[in-house]
Amino acid sequence: MEQRLSILTIGVKDLSAVRTFYEQKFGWTPEAVNKDIVFYKINGSLISFFPAKALAEDAKVPYTEGSSGHYALGYIVNNEKEVDELFAQLESKGVTIVKRPVKTFFGAYSGYVQDVEGNLWDIGTNPLIPLDAQNNVVAHKDIRHLEQQ
């Protein structure tokens, strides 16, 4: 596994308030946004904010109200085969698999692993997040059409 970070996803209580803060106080411009999540491009990677409870549900880990530990480090690769190979390598090294890779409703394919302190890594491929030749995030495609009802 290369030493890089594609996405840092932070679970938040109030997505609207967090978005307002980053856009009005920091002056950040969203790369992609819908009512469920917001992405900001930072250098060669992304930071995203997502409801904490939904993040815990997606990772299949317990949600604890008031905890500050709701985040996932994202590692994007180019295709499903690479995802499966990475999971096989990590599992062979004794890494805890929290959620095996699955296809999502929007075409991504990802799963979660944990480091020795329980920090989550979301490893997958995502057609909405293209990578350059060095595997840096290029952008995030529009996601408004993906809002869940």
N, C-alpha and C. Protein backbone atom coordinates (compact mmCIF):
# COMPACT_ATOMS: atom_id res chain seq x y z
N MET A 1 0.86 -1.17 0.00
CA MET A 1 0.00 0.00 0.00
C MET A 1 0.90 1.23 0.00
N GLU A 2 0.66 2.13 -0.95
CA GLU A 2 1.47 3.35 -1.03
C GLU A 2 1.22 4.25 0.18
N GLN A 3 2.21 5.05 0.52
CA GLN A 3 2.10 5.99 1.63
C GLN A 3 1.46 7.27 1.12
N ARG A 4 0.11 7.30 1.15
CA ARG A 4 -0.64 8.46 0.68
C ARG A 4 -2.03 8.46 1.28
N LEU A 5 -2.68 9.58 1.19
CA LEU A 5 -4.05 9.74 1.67
C LEU A 5 -4.86 10.37 0.56
N SER A 6 -5.97 9.75 0.18
CA SER A 6 -6.83 10.29 -0.87
C SER A 6 -7.93 11.18 -0.30
N ILE A 7 -8.56 10.70 0.76
CA ILE A 7 -9.69 11.42 1.36
C ILE A 7 -9.64 11.29 2.87
N LEU A 8 -9.91 12.37 3.56
CA LEU A 8 -10.16 12.33 4.99
C LEU A 8 -11.63 12.65 5.16
N THR A 9 -12.41 11.70 5.65
CA THR A 9 -13.84 11.90 5.89
C THR A 9 -14.04 12.07 7.38
N ILE A 10 -14.65 13.18 7.76
CA ILE A 10 -14.89 13.47 9.16
C ILE A 10 -16.39 13.44 9.41
N GLY A 11 -16.79 12.65 10.42
CA GLY A 11 -18.19 12.56 10.80
C GLY A 11 -18.57 13.76 11.64
N VAL A 12 -19.68 14.40 11.29
CA VAL A 12 -20.12 15.61 11.97
C VAL A 12 -21.56 15.48 12.45
N LYS A 13 -21.91 16.29 13.44
CA LYS A 13 -23.28 16.30 13.94
C LYS A 13 -24.20 17.14 13.08
N ASP A 14 -23.71 18.30 12.60
CA ASP A 14 -24.54 19.23 11.85
C ASP A 14 -23.82 19.61 10.55
N LEU A 15 -24.12 18.89 9.48
CA LEU A 15 -23.43 19.10 8.21
C LEU A 15 -23.62 20.52 7.69
N SER A 16 -24.79 21.07 7.83
CA SER A 16 -25.05 22.43 7.35
C SER A 16 -24.18 23.45 8.07
N ALA A 17 -24.07 23.32 9.39
CA ALA A 17 -23.25 24.26 10.17
C ALA A 17 -21.77 24.12 9.82
N VAL A 18 -21.31 22.89 9.64
CA VAL A 18 -19.91 22.67 9.28
C VAL A 18 -19.62 23.25 7.91
N ARG A 19 -20.51 23.02 6.98
CA ARG A 19 -20.32 23.56 5.63
C ARG A 19 -20.28 25.09 5.66
N THR A 20 -21.20 25.69 6.39
CA THR A 20 -21.21 27.14 6.53
C THR A 20 -19.90 27.65 7.11
N PHE A 21 -19.41 26.96 8.14
CA PHE A 21 -18.14 27.36 8.76
C PHE A 21 -17.00 27.36 7.74
N TYR A 22 -16.80 26.24 7.05
CA TYR A 22 -15.67 26.13 6.12
C TYR A 22 -15.79 27.10 4.95
N GLU A 23 -16.99 27.33 4.50
CA GLU A 23 -17.17 28.21 3.34
C GLU A 23 -17.16 29.68 3.73
N GLN A 24 -17.75 30.02 4.87
CA GLN A 24 -17.80 31.44 5.25
C GLN A 24 -16.60 31.89 6.07
N LYS A 25 -16.10 31.04 6.94
CA LYS A 25 -14.99 31.42 7.80
C LYS A 25 -13.63 31.17 7.14
N PHE A 26 -13.47 30.00 6.52
CA PHE A 26 -12.21 29.66 5.88
C PHE A 26 -12.16 30.11 4.42
N GLY A 27 -13.34 30.36 3.84
CA GLY A 27 -13.39 30.76 2.43
C GLY A 27 -13.21 29.61 1.46
N TRP A 28 -13.44 28.38 1.91
CA TRP A 28 -13.29 27.21 1.05
C TRP A 28 -14.45 27.11 0.07
N THR A 29 -14.18 26.52 -1.09
CA THR A 29 -15.19 26.29 -2.12
C THR A 29 -15.40 24.78 -2.25
N PRO A 30 -16.64 24.32 -2.18
CA PRO A 30 -16.87 22.88 -2.30
C PRO A 30 -16.47 22.36 -3.68
N GLU A 31 -15.92 21.17 -3.69
CA GLU A 31 -15.59 20.48 -4.93
C GLU A 31 -16.81 19.73 -5.43
N ALA A 32 -17.54 19.12 -4.50
CA ALA A 32 -18.77 18.38 -4.80
C ALA A 32 -19.61 18.39 -3.53
N VAL A 33 -20.92 18.50 -3.71
CA VAL A 33 -21.79 18.61 -2.54
C VAL A 33 -23.20 18.12 -2.88
N ASN A 34 -23.84 17.53 -1.90
CA ASN A 34 -25.28 17.30 -1.93
C ASN A 34 -25.77 17.38 -0.49
N LYS A 35 -27.01 17.07 -0.24
CA LYS A 35 -27.53 17.26 1.12
C LYS A 35 -26.93 16.27 2.13
N ASP A 36 -26.25 15.21 1.64
CA ASP A 36 -25.71 14.18 2.51
C ASP A 36 -24.23 14.31 2.83
N ILE A 37 -23.46 15.03 1.99
CA ILE A 37 -22.00 15.07 2.13
C ILE A 37 -21.46 16.27 1.38
N VAL A 38 -20.30 16.76 1.82
CA VAL A 38 -19.61 17.84 1.10
C VAL A 38 -18.13 17.49 1.02
N PHE A 39 -17.54 17.74 -0.17
CA PHE A 39 -16.12 17.48 -0.41
C PHE A 39 -15.41 18.79 -0.72
N TYR A 40 -14.21 18.96 -0.17
CA TYR A 40 -13.35 20.10 -0.49
C TYR A 40 -12.01 19.55 -0.97
N LYS A 41 -11.50 20.09 -2.06
CA LYS A 41 -10.20 19.68 -2.59
C LYS A 41 -9.11 20.41 -1.82
N ILE A 42 -8.16 19.66 -1.30
CA ILE A 42 -7.01 20.24 -0.61
C ILE A 42 -5.75 19.61 -1.21
N ASN A 43 -5.01 20.39 -1.95
CA ASN A 43 -3.84 19.88 -2.65
C ASN A 43 -4.21 18.65 -3.46
N GLY A 44 -3.50 17.54 -3.28
CA GLY A 44 -3.76 16.33 -4.06
C GLY A 44 -4.70 15.36 -3.40
N SER A 45 -5.56 15.84 -2.51
CA SER A 45 -6.51 14.96 -1.85
C SER A 45 -7.81 15.71 -1.56
N LEU A 46 -8.71 15.04 -0.88
CA LEU A 46 -10.01 15.63 -0.53
C LEU A 46 -10.24 15.51 0.97
N ILE A 47 -10.98 16.46 1.51
CA ILE A 47 -11.53 16.34 2.86
C ILE A 47 -13.04 16.38 2.68
N SER A 48 -13.74 15.49 3.36
CA SER A 48 -15.20 15.48 3.26
C SER A 48 -15.81 15.46 4.65
N PHE A 49 -17.01 16.00 4.72
CA PHE A 49 -17.78 16.00 5.96
C PHE A 49 -19.07 15.25 5.68
N PHE A 50 -19.42 14.35 6.61
CA PHE A 50 -20.52 13.41 6.43
C PHE A 50 -21.15 13.22 7.80
N PRO A 51 -22.45 13.06 7.92
CA PRO A 51 -23.04 12.85 9.24
C PRO A 51 -22.38 11.67 9.98
N ALA A 52 -21.99 11.90 11.22
CA ALA A 52 -21.24 10.92 12.01
C ALA A 52 -21.98 9.59 12.14
N LYS A 53 -23.27 9.65 12.38
CA LYS A 53 -24.05 8.41 12.53
C LYS A 53 -24.05 7.62 11.23
N ALA A 54 -24.19 8.30 10.10
CA ALA A 54 -24.19 7.64 8.80
C ALA A 54 -22.82 7.04 8.50
N LEU A 55 -21.75 7.72 8.92
CA LEU A 55 -20.40 7.19 8.72
C LEU A 55 -20.22 5.89 9.51
N ALA A 56 -20.67 5.90 10.76
CA ALA A 56 -20.58 4.69 11.58
C ALA A 56 -21.40 3.55 10.97
N GLU A 57 -22.60 3.87 10.48
CA GLU A 57 -23.44 2.85 9.86
C GLU A 57 -22.78 2.30 8.60
N ASP A 58 -22.18 3.18 7.79
CA ASP A 58 -21.53 2.73 6.56
C ASP A 58 -20.36 1.81 6.86
N ALA A 59 -19.60 2.12 7.89
CA ALA A 59 -18.43 1.31 8.26
C ALA A 59 -18.81 0.08 9.07
N LYS A 60 -20.06 0.01 9.49
CA LYS A 60 -20.55 -1.10 10.32
C LYS A 60 -19.84 -1.14 11.67
N VAL A 61 -19.66 0.07 12.27
CA VAL A 61 -19.08 0.17 13.61
C VAL A 61 -20.09 0.88 14.51
N PRO A 62 -19.99 0.68 15.82
CA PRO A 62 -20.95 1.33 16.73
C PRO A 62 -20.84 2.85 16.68
N TYR A 63 -21.96 3.50 16.79
CA TYR A 63 -22.00 4.97 16.86
C TYR A 63 -22.15 5.36 18.31
N THR A 64 -21.31 6.28 18.76
CA THR A 64 -21.38 6.77 20.13
C THR A 64 -21.63 8.26 20.09
N GLU A 65 -22.76 8.70 20.59
CA GLU A 65 -23.10 10.13 20.62
C GLU A 65 -22.05 10.87 21.45
N GLY A 66 -21.61 11.99 20.93
CA GLY A 66 -20.66 12.82 21.66
C GLY A 66 -19.20 12.46 21.46
N SER A 67 -18.93 11.36 20.78
CA SER A 67 -17.54 10.97 20.55
C SER A 67 -16.90 11.90 19.52
N SER A 68 -15.61 12.15 19.67
CA SER A 68 -14.91 12.97 18.69
C SER A 68 -14.18 12.10 17.67
N GLY A 69 -14.32 10.81 17.75
CA GLY A 69 -13.58 9.91 16.88
C GLY A 69 -14.34 9.43 15.66
N HIS A 70 -15.13 10.28 15.05
CA HIS A 70 -15.90 9.88 13.88
C HIS A 70 -15.23 10.39 12.62
N TYR A 71 -14.36 9.56 12.05
CA TYR A 71 -13.71 9.92 10.81
C TYR A 71 -13.23 8.65 10.11
N ALA A 72 -12.92 8.78 8.85
CA ALA A 72 -12.33 7.68 8.10
C ALA A 72 -11.31 8.25 7.14
N LEU A 73 -10.16 7.59 7.06
CA LEU A 73 -9.13 7.96 6.11
C LEU A 73 -9.44 7.22 4.82
N GLY A 74 -9.43 7.91 3.70
CA GLY A 74 -9.79 7.29 2.43
C GLY A 74 -8.57 7.00 1.57
N TYR A 75 -8.58 5.83 0.95
CA TYR A 75 -7.50 5.41 0.07
C TYR A 75 -8.15 4.93 -1.22
N ILE A 76 -8.00 5.72 -2.29
CA ILE A 76 -8.65 5.43 -3.56
C ILE A 76 -7.65 4.78 -4.52
N VAL A 77 -8.10 3.72 -5.18
CA VAL A 77 -7.31 3.06 -6.23
C VAL A 77 -8.12 3.10 -7.52
N ASN A 78 -7.56 2.56 -8.59
CA ASN A 78 -8.15 2.74 -9.91
C ASN A 78 -9.25 1.75 -10.30
N ASN A 79 -9.31 0.58 -9.67
CA ASN A 79 -10.34 -0.38 -10.08
C ASN A 79 -10.61 -1.40 -8.97
N GLU A 80 -11.67 -2.19 -9.17
CA GLU A 80 -12.10 -3.17 -8.16
C GLU A 80 -11.04 -4.24 -7.93
N LYS A 81 -10.33 -4.64 -8.97
CA LYS A 81 -9.28 -5.65 -8.82
C LYS A 81 -8.22 -5.18 -7.84
N GLU A 82 -7.82 -3.90 -7.94
CA GLU A 82 -6.83 -3.35 -7.01
C GLU A 82 -7.37 -3.34 -5.58
N VAL A 83 -8.65 -3.03 -5.42
CA VAL A 83 -9.28 -3.04 -4.09
C VAL A 83 -9.18 -4.44 -3.51
N ASP A 84 -9.60 -5.45 -4.28
CA ASP A 84 -9.58 -6.83 -3.79
C ASP A 84 -8.17 -7.29 -3.47
N GLU A 85 -7.20 -6.93 -4.32
CA GLU A 85 -5.81 -7.30 -4.07
C GLU A 85 -5.30 -6.67 -2.79
N LEU A 86 -5.64 -5.41 -2.57
CA LEU A 86 -5.20 -4.72 -1.36
C LEU A 86 -5.80 -5.36 -0.12
N PHE A 87 -7.09 -5.68 -0.16
CA PHE A 87 -7.73 -6.34 0.98
C PHE A 87 -7.09 -7.69 1.26
N ALA A 88 -6.77 -8.44 0.21
CA ALA A 88 -6.12 -9.74 0.38
C ALA A 88 -4.75 -9.57 1.03
N GLN A 89 -3.97 -8.60 0.56
CA GLN A 89 -2.65 -8.34 1.14
C GLN A 89 -2.76 -7.96 2.61
N LEU A 90 -3.67 -7.04 2.91
CA LEU A 90 -3.81 -6.57 4.28
C LEU A 90 -4.30 -7.68 5.20
N GLU A 91 -5.27 -8.45 4.73
CA GLU A 91 -5.78 -9.56 5.54
C GLU A 91 -4.68 -10.59 5.81
N SER A 92 -3.84 -10.84 4.81
CA SER A 92 -2.74 -11.81 5.00
C SER A 92 -1.73 -11.32 6.03
N LYS A 93 -1.72 -10.02 6.28
CA LYS A 93 -0.82 -9.43 7.28
C LYS A 93 -1.49 -9.25 8.63
N GLY A 94 -2.72 -9.75 8.76
CA GLY A 94 -3.41 -9.69 10.04
C GLY A 94 -4.17 -8.40 10.31
N VAL A 95 -4.36 -7.57 9.28
CA VAL A 95 -5.11 -6.33 9.46
C VAL A 95 -6.59 -6.67 9.65
N THR A 96 -7.24 -6.00 10.59
CA THR A 96 -8.65 -6.23 10.86
C THR A 96 -9.52 -5.69 9.73
N ILE A 97 -10.30 -6.58 9.12
CA ILE A 97 -11.25 -6.19 8.08
C ILE A 97 -12.57 -5.88 8.80
N VAL A 98 -13.01 -4.64 8.72
CA VAL A 98 -14.24 -4.22 9.39
C VAL A 98 -15.44 -4.48 8.48
N LYS A 99 -15.26 -4.16 7.20
CA LYS A 99 -16.33 -4.35 6.21
C LYS A 99 -15.66 -4.71 4.89
N ARG A 100 -15.98 -5.87 4.37
CA ARG A 100 -15.43 -6.29 3.08
C ARG A 100 -15.96 -5.38 1.97
N PRO A 101 -15.20 -5.23 0.90
CA PRO A 101 -15.64 -4.34 -0.18
C PRO A 101 -16.97 -4.76 -0.78
N VAL A 102 -17.80 -3.76 -1.00
CA VAL A 102 -19.10 -3.96 -1.66
C VAL A 102 -19.32 -2.82 -2.65
N LYS A 103 -20.17 -3.09 -3.61
CA LYS A 103 -20.55 -2.09 -4.61
C LYS A 103 -21.59 -1.17 -3.95
N THR A 104 -21.45 0.13 -4.18
CA THR A 104 -22.40 1.09 -3.62
C THR A 104 -23.44 1.49 -4.66
N PHE A 105 -24.47 2.17 -4.23
CA PHE A 105 -25.54 2.59 -5.13
C PHE A 105 -25.06 3.58 -6.18
N PHE A 106 -23.92 4.25 -5.95
CA PHE A 106 -23.43 5.25 -6.91
C PHE A 106 -22.23 4.75 -7.72
N GLY A 107 -21.94 3.43 -7.65
CA GLY A 107 -20.92 2.86 -8.50
C GLY A 107 -19.54 2.70 -7.90
N ALA A 108 -19.36 3.12 -6.66
CA ALA A 108 -18.08 2.90 -6.00
C ALA A 108 -18.00 1.45 -5.53
N TYR A 109 -16.82 1.03 -5.14
CA TYR A 109 -16.59 -0.31 -4.60
C TYR A 109 -15.58 -0.13 -3.48
N SER A 110 -16.03 -0.35 -2.24
CA SER A 110 -15.11 -0.09 -1.13
C SER A 110 -15.48 -0.89 0.10
N GLY A 111 -14.50 -0.93 1.01
CA GLY A 111 -14.68 -1.57 2.31
C GLY A 111 -13.82 -0.85 3.33
N TYR A 112 -13.86 -1.33 4.56
CA TYR A 112 -13.14 -0.67 5.65
C TYR A 112 -12.21 -1.65 6.36
N VAL A 113 -11.05 -1.14 6.76
CA VAL A 113 -10.12 -1.86 7.65
C VAL A 113 -9.82 -0.93 8.82
N GLN A 114 -9.24 -1.52 9.88
CA GLN A 114 -8.86 -0.73 11.06
C GLN A 114 -7.38 -0.89 11.33
N ASP A 115 -6.77 0.19 11.83
CA ASP A 115 -5.40 0.06 12.29
C ASP A 115 -5.43 -0.46 13.73
N VAL A 116 -4.28 -0.55 14.38
CA VAL A 116 -4.21 -1.16 15.71
C VAL A 116 -4.93 -0.37 16.79
N GLU A 117 -5.25 0.91 16.53
CA GLU A 117 -5.98 1.70 17.51
C GLU A 117 -7.43 1.91 17.11
N GLY A 118 -7.89 1.20 16.08
CA GLY A 118 -9.28 1.29 15.67
C GLY A 118 -9.58 2.38 14.67
N ASN A 119 -8.56 3.09 14.17
CA ASN A 119 -8.78 4.13 13.16
C ASN A 119 -9.21 3.48 11.85
N LEU A 120 -10.26 4.03 11.24
CA LEU A 120 -10.83 3.44 10.03
C LEU A 120 -10.14 3.93 8.76
N TRP A 121 -9.91 3.01 7.85
CA TRP A 121 -9.47 3.31 6.48
C TRP A 121 -10.54 2.79 5.54
N ASP A 122 -11.09 3.68 4.72
CA ASP A 122 -12.06 3.33 3.69
C ASP A 122 -11.27 3.14 2.40
N ILE A 123 -11.13 1.91 1.95
CA ILE A 123 -10.32 1.59 0.78
C ILE A 123 -11.23 1.19 -0.36
N GLY A 124 -11.08 1.88 -1.49
CA GLY A 124 -11.95 1.54 -2.61
C GLY A 124 -11.62 2.26 -3.89
N THR A 125 -12.52 2.09 -4.83
CA THR A 125 -12.46 2.79 -6.10
C THR A 125 -13.77 3.55 -6.26
N ASN A 126 -13.71 4.70 -6.90
CA ASN A 126 -14.90 5.53 -7.00
C ASN A 126 -14.89 6.24 -8.35
N PRO A 127 -15.89 5.97 -9.20
CA PRO A 127 -15.92 6.59 -10.52
C PRO A 127 -16.09 8.11 -10.47
N LEU A 128 -16.45 8.64 -9.32
CA LEU A 128 -16.65 10.08 -9.18
C LEU A 128 -15.38 10.81 -8.74
N ILE A 129 -14.33 10.04 -8.44
CA ILE A 129 -13.07 10.64 -7.96
C ILE A 129 -11.92 10.16 -8.84
N PRO A 130 -11.64 10.89 -9.91
CA PRO A 130 -10.53 10.49 -10.78
C PRO A 130 -9.17 10.79 -10.13
N LEU A 131 -8.20 9.94 -10.44
CA LEU A 131 -6.83 10.09 -9.95
C LEU A 131 -5.90 10.44 -11.11
N ASP A 132 -4.81 11.16 -10.80
CA ASP A 132 -3.82 11.44 -11.84
C ASP A 132 -2.80 10.30 -11.89
N ALA A 133 -1.75 10.45 -12.67
CA ALA A 133 -0.75 9.40 -12.85
C ALA A 133 -0.02 9.05 -11.56
N GLN A 134 0.04 10.00 -10.61
CA GLN A 134 0.69 9.74 -9.32
C GLN A 134 -0.31 9.31 -8.25
N ASN A 135 -1.54 9.03 -8.65
CA ASN A 135 -2.63 8.61 -7.76
C ASN A 135 -3.08 9.70 -6.80
N ASN A 136 -2.87 10.97 -7.17
CA ASN A 136 -3.44 12.08 -6.43
C ASN A 136 -4.86 12.33 -6.93
N VAL A 137 -5.73 12.80 -6.06
CA VAL A 137 -7.09 13.13 -6.46
C VAL A 137 -7.04 14.32 -7.40
N VAL A 138 -7.69 14.19 -8.54
CA VAL A 138 -7.76 15.27 -9.53
C VAL A 138 -8.91 16.20 -9.20
N ALA A 139 -10.05 15.62 -8.87
CA ALA A 139 -11.27 16.40 -8.61
C ALA A 139 -12.31 15.47 -8.00
N HIS A 140 -13.48 15.99 -7.79
CA HIS A 140 -14.63 15.16 -7.43
C HIS A 140 -15.76 15.60 -8.32
N LYS A 141 -16.33 14.65 -9.04
CA LYS A 141 -17.42 14.97 -9.96
C LYS A 141 -18.67 15.38 -9.18
N ASP A 142 -19.58 16.05 -9.86
CA ASP A 142 -20.83 16.53 -9.27
C ASP A 142 -21.61 15.36 -8.65
N ILE A 143 -22.19 15.59 -7.47
CA ILE A 143 -22.92 14.52 -6.78
C ILE A 143 -24.35 14.91 -6.41
N ARG A 144 -24.82 16.04 -6.88
CA ARG A 144 -26.17 16.47 -6.50
C ARG A 144 -27.23 15.46 -6.87
N HIS A 145 -27.03 14.72 -7.95
CA HIS A 145 -28.01 13.71 -8.39
C HIS A 145 -28.04 12.48 -7.49
N LEU A 146 -27.13 12.37 -6.54
CA LEU A 146 -27.03 11.19 -5.70
C LEU A 146 -27.71 11.34 -4.34
N GLU A 147 -28.39 12.42 -4.11
CA GLU A 147 -29.02 12.64 -2.81
C GLU A 147 -29.99 11.53 -2.50
N GLN A 148 -29.82 10.94 -1.31
CA GLN A 148 -30.72 9.87 -0.88
C GLN A 148 -31.96 10.49 -0.28
N GLN A 149 -33.06 9.86 -0.52
CA GLN A 149 -34.34 10.36 -0.02
C GLN A 149 -34.62 9.86 1.36
